[in-house]
Amino acid sequence: MDDPDALGGLWVHWVLFNIPASYNELDAAIDVPDSAISVKNSWGKTGYGGPCPPSGTHRYYFRLYALDTFLSLDEKATKKDVEYAMQGHILETSELICKYTKI
């Protein structure tokens, strides 16, 4: 999940990979399967960081990639490492863009 409208450029809220194809939801507690790996977000923490823009309306991009393999990376990887490792393995993609305004 990325926020391209953040001050200073793209703000990464969450990168999660190696989700099994049989896994078709993430519940409200954001329980993830054991094989899934989360790397550091823009806060320098692993895991999900929810939307909370300081002002104005921000867009949040959720991108899902179906891959033909699990990636041989660990939690020390970066978002760029994950994107590079996915090259040549993407079968399908999906994107959801949401807008959020702090009231």
N, C-alpha and C. Protein backbone atom coordinates (compact mmCIF):
# COMPACT_ATOMS: atom_id res chain seq x y z
N MET A 1 0.86 -1.17 0.00
CA MET A 1 0.00 0.00 0.00
C MET A 1 0.90 1.23 0.00
N ASP A 2 0.68 2.10 -0.95
CA ASP A 2 1.50 3.30 -1.11
C ASP A 2 0.63 4.55 -1.12
N ASP A 3 1.20 5.65 -0.63
CA ASP A 3 0.57 6.97 -0.67
C ASP A 3 1.47 7.87 -1.51
N PRO A 4 1.10 8.12 -2.78
CA PRO A 4 1.93 8.98 -3.62
C PRO A 4 1.75 10.47 -3.33
N ASP A 5 0.78 10.81 -2.48
CA ASP A 5 0.49 12.21 -2.19
C ASP A 5 1.17 12.72 -0.92
N ALA A 6 1.99 11.90 -0.30
CA ALA A 6 2.67 12.29 0.93
C ALA A 6 3.69 13.39 0.65
N LEU A 7 3.86 14.27 1.63
CA LEU A 7 4.88 15.30 1.51
C LEU A 7 6.24 14.62 1.39
N GLY A 8 7.04 15.07 0.46
CA GLY A 8 8.35 14.48 0.29
C GLY A 8 8.37 13.27 -0.63
N GLY A 9 7.23 12.90 -1.18
CA GLY A 9 7.20 11.79 -2.14
C GLY A 9 6.48 10.56 -1.62
N LEU A 10 6.64 9.48 -2.34
CA LEU A 10 5.93 8.24 -2.07
C LEU A 10 6.15 7.75 -0.64
N TRP A 11 5.06 7.43 0.05
CA TRP A 11 5.13 6.89 1.40
C TRP A 11 4.62 5.45 1.35
N VAL A 12 5.48 4.53 1.72
CA VAL A 12 5.14 3.10 1.69
C VAL A 12 4.51 2.72 3.02
N HIS A 13 3.26 2.25 2.97
CA HIS A 13 2.54 1.84 4.17
C HIS A 13 2.70 0.35 4.44
N TRP A 14 2.85 -0.45 3.37
CA TRP A 14 2.91 -1.89 3.57
C TRP A 14 3.42 -2.58 2.32
N VAL A 15 4.33 -3.52 2.52
CA VAL A 15 4.76 -4.44 1.47
C VAL A 15 4.69 -5.83 2.07
N LEU A 16 3.91 -6.70 1.48
CA LEU A 16 3.72 -8.07 1.95
C LEU A 16 3.85 -8.99 0.75
N PHE A 17 4.66 -10.03 0.86
CA PHE A 17 4.81 -10.95 -0.27
C PHE A 17 4.87 -12.39 0.22
N ASN A 18 4.83 -13.30 -0.74
CA ASN A 18 4.78 -14.75 -0.50
C ASN A 18 3.50 -15.17 0.20
N ILE A 19 2.40 -14.58 -0.25
CA ILE A 19 1.07 -14.96 0.22
C ILE A 19 0.63 -16.14 -0.64
N PRO A 20 0.26 -17.28 -0.05
CA PRO A 20 -0.15 -18.43 -0.85
C PRO A 20 -1.40 -18.11 -1.70
N ALA A 21 -1.48 -18.72 -2.87
CA ALA A 21 -2.62 -18.50 -3.77
C ALA A 21 -3.93 -18.93 -3.11
N SER A 22 -3.88 -19.87 -2.18
CA SER A 22 -5.08 -20.34 -1.51
C SER A 22 -5.61 -19.34 -0.48
N TYR A 23 -4.83 -18.35 -0.16
CA TYR A 23 -5.21 -17.35 0.84
C TYR A 23 -5.97 -16.24 0.12
N ASN A 24 -7.24 -16.04 0.45
CA ASN A 24 -8.05 -15.10 -0.32
C ASN A 24 -8.60 -13.92 0.48
N GLU A 25 -8.08 -13.70 1.69
CA GLU A 25 -8.53 -12.54 2.46
C GLU A 25 -7.53 -12.21 3.56
N LEU A 26 -7.56 -10.97 3.97
CA LEU A 26 -6.84 -10.53 5.17
C LEU A 26 -7.90 -9.95 6.09
N ASP A 27 -8.04 -10.52 7.27
CA ASP A 27 -9.10 -10.07 8.16
C ASP A 27 -8.74 -8.75 8.84
N ALA A 28 -9.66 -8.23 9.61
CA ALA A 28 -9.47 -6.92 10.24
C ALA A 28 -8.25 -6.88 11.16
N ALA A 29 -7.88 -8.02 11.72
CA ALA A 29 -6.70 -8.08 12.59
C ALA A 29 -5.42 -8.18 11.76
N ILE A 30 -5.56 -8.27 10.45
CA ILE A 30 -4.46 -8.40 9.51
C ILE A 30 -3.57 -9.58 9.89
N ASP A 31 -4.22 -10.71 10.15
CA ASP A 31 -3.49 -11.95 10.34
C ASP A 31 -3.01 -12.43 8.98
N VAL A 32 -1.73 -12.70 8.88
CA VAL A 32 -1.17 -13.12 7.60
C VAL A 32 -0.68 -14.56 7.72
N PRO A 33 -0.64 -15.28 6.60
CA PRO A 33 -0.16 -16.66 6.64
C PRO A 33 1.32 -16.71 7.03
N ASP A 34 1.74 -17.85 7.56
CA ASP A 34 3.12 -18.00 8.03
C ASP A 34 4.15 -17.76 6.94
N SER A 35 3.83 -18.09 5.70
CA SER A 35 4.80 -17.94 4.60
C SER A 35 4.98 -16.48 4.17
N ALA A 36 4.02 -15.62 4.52
CA ALA A 36 4.07 -14.23 4.07
C ALA A 36 5.15 -13.45 4.82
N ILE A 37 5.81 -12.57 4.09
CA ILE A 37 6.89 -11.77 4.66
C ILE A 37 6.56 -10.30 4.44
N SER A 38 6.70 -9.52 5.49
CA SER A 38 6.49 -8.08 5.43
C SER A 38 7.84 -7.39 5.61
N VAL A 39 8.11 -6.40 4.76
CA VAL A 39 9.37 -5.67 4.85
C VAL A 39 9.10 -4.28 5.43
N LYS A 40 10.16 -3.56 5.73
CA LYS A 40 10.01 -2.25 6.37
C LYS A 40 9.23 -1.27 5.50
N ASN A 41 8.36 -0.52 6.16
CA ASN A 41 7.60 0.53 5.49
C ASN A 41 8.35 1.86 5.67
N SER A 42 7.74 2.95 5.30
CA SER A 42 8.40 4.26 5.39
C SER A 42 8.60 4.74 6.83
N TRP A 43 7.95 4.09 7.79
CA TRP A 43 8.18 4.39 9.20
C TRP A 43 9.39 3.63 9.74
N GLY A 44 9.95 2.74 8.89
CA GLY A 44 11.08 1.93 9.33
C GLY A 44 10.66 0.71 10.14
N LYS A 45 9.37 0.34 10.05
CA LYS A 45 8.84 -0.80 10.78
C LYS A 45 8.28 -1.82 9.80
N THR A 46 8.30 -3.09 10.17
CA THR A 46 7.65 -4.09 9.34
C THR A 46 6.17 -4.11 9.70
N GLY A 47 5.35 -4.47 8.73
CA GLY A 47 3.92 -4.56 8.96
C GLY A 47 3.15 -3.42 8.35
N TYR A 48 1.88 -3.42 8.63
CA TYR A 48 0.93 -2.47 8.05
C TYR A 48 0.90 -1.17 8.84
N GLY A 49 0.90 -0.06 8.13
CA GLY A 49 0.70 1.26 8.72
C GLY A 49 -0.48 1.90 8.02
N GLY A 50 -1.55 2.11 8.73
CA GLY A 50 -2.79 2.61 8.13
C GLY A 50 -2.73 4.05 7.65
N PRO A 51 -3.74 4.45 6.86
CA PRO A 51 -3.78 5.81 6.32
C PRO A 51 -4.09 6.83 7.42
N CYS A 52 -3.36 7.91 7.40
CA CYS A 52 -3.60 9.01 8.33
C CYS A 52 -2.88 10.24 7.81
N PRO A 53 -3.37 10.80 6.70
CA PRO A 53 -2.66 11.94 6.11
C PRO A 53 -2.69 13.15 7.04
N PRO A 54 -1.62 13.95 7.06
CA PRO A 54 -1.59 15.12 7.92
C PRO A 54 -2.62 16.18 7.52
N SER A 55 -2.89 16.29 6.22
CA SER A 55 -3.89 17.24 5.75
C SER A 55 -4.28 16.88 4.32
N GLY A 56 -5.45 17.31 3.93
CA GLY A 56 -5.91 17.08 2.57
C GLY A 56 -6.31 15.64 2.30
N THR A 57 -6.65 15.40 1.05
CA THR A 57 -7.04 14.07 0.60
C THR A 57 -5.84 13.38 -0.02
N HIS A 58 -5.62 12.14 0.37
CA HIS A 58 -4.52 11.35 -0.17
C HIS A 58 -5.09 10.12 -0.86
N ARG A 59 -4.38 9.68 -1.90
CA ARG A 59 -4.73 8.44 -2.59
C ARG A 59 -3.87 7.31 -2.02
N TYR A 60 -4.49 6.16 -1.86
CA TYR A 60 -3.79 4.98 -1.36
C TYR A 60 -3.94 3.88 -2.39
N TYR A 61 -2.80 3.39 -2.85
CA TYR A 61 -2.77 2.37 -3.89
C TYR A 61 -2.51 1.01 -3.26
N PHE A 62 -3.43 0.10 -3.49
CA PHE A 62 -3.26 -1.30 -3.11
C PHE A 62 -2.99 -2.07 -4.39
N ARG A 63 -1.85 -2.73 -4.48
CA ARG A 63 -1.51 -3.50 -5.68
C ARG A 63 -1.31 -4.95 -5.28
N LEU A 64 -1.93 -5.83 -6.04
CA LEU A 64 -1.82 -7.26 -5.80
C LEU A 64 -1.22 -7.90 -7.04
N TYR A 65 -0.23 -8.73 -6.83
CA TYR A 65 0.45 -9.42 -7.94
C TYR A 65 0.32 -10.92 -7.73
N ALA A 66 -0.14 -11.63 -8.76
CA ALA A 66 -0.11 -13.09 -8.75
C ALA A 66 1.20 -13.50 -9.41
N LEU A 67 2.01 -14.25 -8.67
CA LEU A 67 3.31 -14.67 -9.17
C LEU A 67 3.34 -16.17 -9.41
N ASP A 68 4.27 -16.61 -10.23
CA ASP A 68 4.42 -18.04 -10.49
C ASP A 68 5.40 -18.71 -9.53
N THR A 69 5.86 -17.99 -8.53
CA THR A 69 6.82 -18.53 -7.57
C THR A 69 6.79 -17.71 -6.29
N PHE A 70 7.30 -18.29 -5.22
CA PHE A 70 7.57 -17.52 -4.01
C PHE A 70 8.91 -16.82 -4.21
N LEU A 71 9.08 -15.66 -3.63
CA LEU A 71 10.32 -14.91 -3.77
C LEU A 71 11.32 -15.35 -2.70
N SER A 72 12.57 -15.46 -3.12
CA SER A 72 13.65 -15.88 -2.20
C SER A 72 14.24 -14.65 -1.51
N LEU A 73 13.42 -13.97 -0.77
CA LEU A 73 13.82 -12.77 -0.03
C LEU A 73 13.39 -12.93 1.42
N ASP A 74 13.95 -12.12 2.29
CA ASP A 74 13.53 -12.14 3.69
C ASP A 74 13.09 -10.74 4.11
N GLU A 75 12.85 -10.56 5.40
CA GLU A 75 12.32 -9.29 5.90
C GLU A 75 13.32 -8.14 5.81
N LYS A 76 14.57 -8.43 5.45
CA LYS A 76 15.57 -7.37 5.27
C LYS A 76 15.49 -6.73 3.88
N ALA A 77 14.68 -7.31 3.02
CA ALA A 77 14.52 -6.77 1.66
C ALA A 77 13.82 -5.41 1.72
N THR A 78 13.94 -4.67 0.64
CA THR A 78 13.23 -3.40 0.50
C THR A 78 12.12 -3.57 -0.52
N LYS A 79 11.28 -2.58 -0.62
CA LYS A 79 10.22 -2.61 -1.64
C LYS A 79 10.84 -2.76 -3.03
N LYS A 80 11.93 -2.04 -3.29
CA LYS A 80 12.60 -2.14 -4.59
C LYS A 80 13.14 -3.54 -4.83
N ASP A 81 13.67 -4.20 -3.79
CA ASP A 81 14.14 -5.58 -3.92
C ASP A 81 12.99 -6.49 -4.33
N VAL A 82 11.84 -6.31 -3.70
CA VAL A 82 10.66 -7.13 -4.00
C VAL A 82 10.22 -6.89 -5.44
N GLU A 83 10.14 -5.64 -5.85
CA GLU A 83 9.73 -5.32 -7.23
C GLU A 83 10.71 -5.92 -8.24
N TYR A 84 11.99 -5.87 -7.95
CA TYR A 84 13.00 -6.44 -8.86
C TYR A 84 12.86 -7.96 -8.93
N ALA A 85 12.69 -8.61 -7.78
CA ALA A 85 12.57 -10.07 -7.74
C ALA A 85 11.32 -10.57 -8.44
N MET A 86 10.27 -9.74 -8.51
CA MET A 86 9.03 -10.14 -9.18
C MET A 86 9.15 -10.14 -10.70
N GLN A 87 10.12 -9.43 -11.23
CA GLN A 87 10.25 -9.31 -12.69
C GLN A 87 10.35 -10.70 -13.32
N GLY A 88 9.54 -10.92 -14.34
CA GLY A 88 9.52 -12.20 -15.04
C GLY A 88 8.65 -13.25 -14.38
N HIS A 89 8.03 -12.92 -13.25
CA HIS A 89 7.21 -13.89 -12.52
C HIS A 89 5.77 -13.44 -12.34
N ILE A 90 5.40 -12.29 -12.88
CA ILE A 90 4.06 -11.75 -12.69
C ILE A 90 3.09 -12.39 -13.68
N LEU A 91 2.06 -13.06 -13.15
CA LEU A 91 1.03 -13.68 -13.98
C LEU A 91 -0.15 -12.74 -14.19
N GLU A 92 -0.56 -12.06 -13.14
CA GLU A 92 -1.69 -11.13 -13.18
C GLU A 92 -1.45 -10.02 -12.15
N THR A 93 -2.11 -8.88 -12.38
CA THR A 93 -2.05 -7.79 -11.41
C THR A 93 -3.45 -7.22 -11.20
N SER A 94 -3.62 -6.61 -10.06
CA SER A 94 -4.87 -5.92 -9.75
C SER A 94 -4.51 -4.70 -8.90
N GLU A 95 -5.30 -3.65 -9.05
CA GLU A 95 -5.02 -2.43 -8.31
C GLU A 95 -6.32 -1.80 -7.82
N LEU A 96 -6.29 -1.35 -6.58
CA LEU A 96 -7.41 -0.62 -5.99
C LEU A 96 -6.86 0.70 -5.48
N ILE A 97 -7.51 1.79 -5.86
CA ILE A 97 -7.09 3.12 -5.41
C ILE A 97 -8.20 3.68 -4.53
N CYS A 98 -7.86 4.02 -3.31
CA CYS A 98 -8.81 4.59 -2.36
C CYS A 98 -8.37 6.00 -2.01
N LYS A 99 -9.33 6.84 -1.67
CA LYS A 99 -9.03 8.20 -1.21
C LYS A 99 -9.41 8.31 0.26
N TYR A 100 -8.57 9.01 1.00
CA TYR A 100 -8.82 9.17 2.43
C TYR A 100 -8.50 10.61 2.82
N THR A 101 -9.39 11.21 3.59
CA THR A 101 -9.19 12.56 4.10
C THR A 101 -9.32 12.51 5.61
N LYS A 102 -8.34 13.05 6.29
CA LYS A 102 -8.41 13.13 7.75
C LYS A 102 -9.37 14.26 8.12
N ILE A 103 -10.30 13.96 8.99
CA ILE A 103 -11.30 14.95 9.40
C ILE A 103 -10.92 15.54 10.74
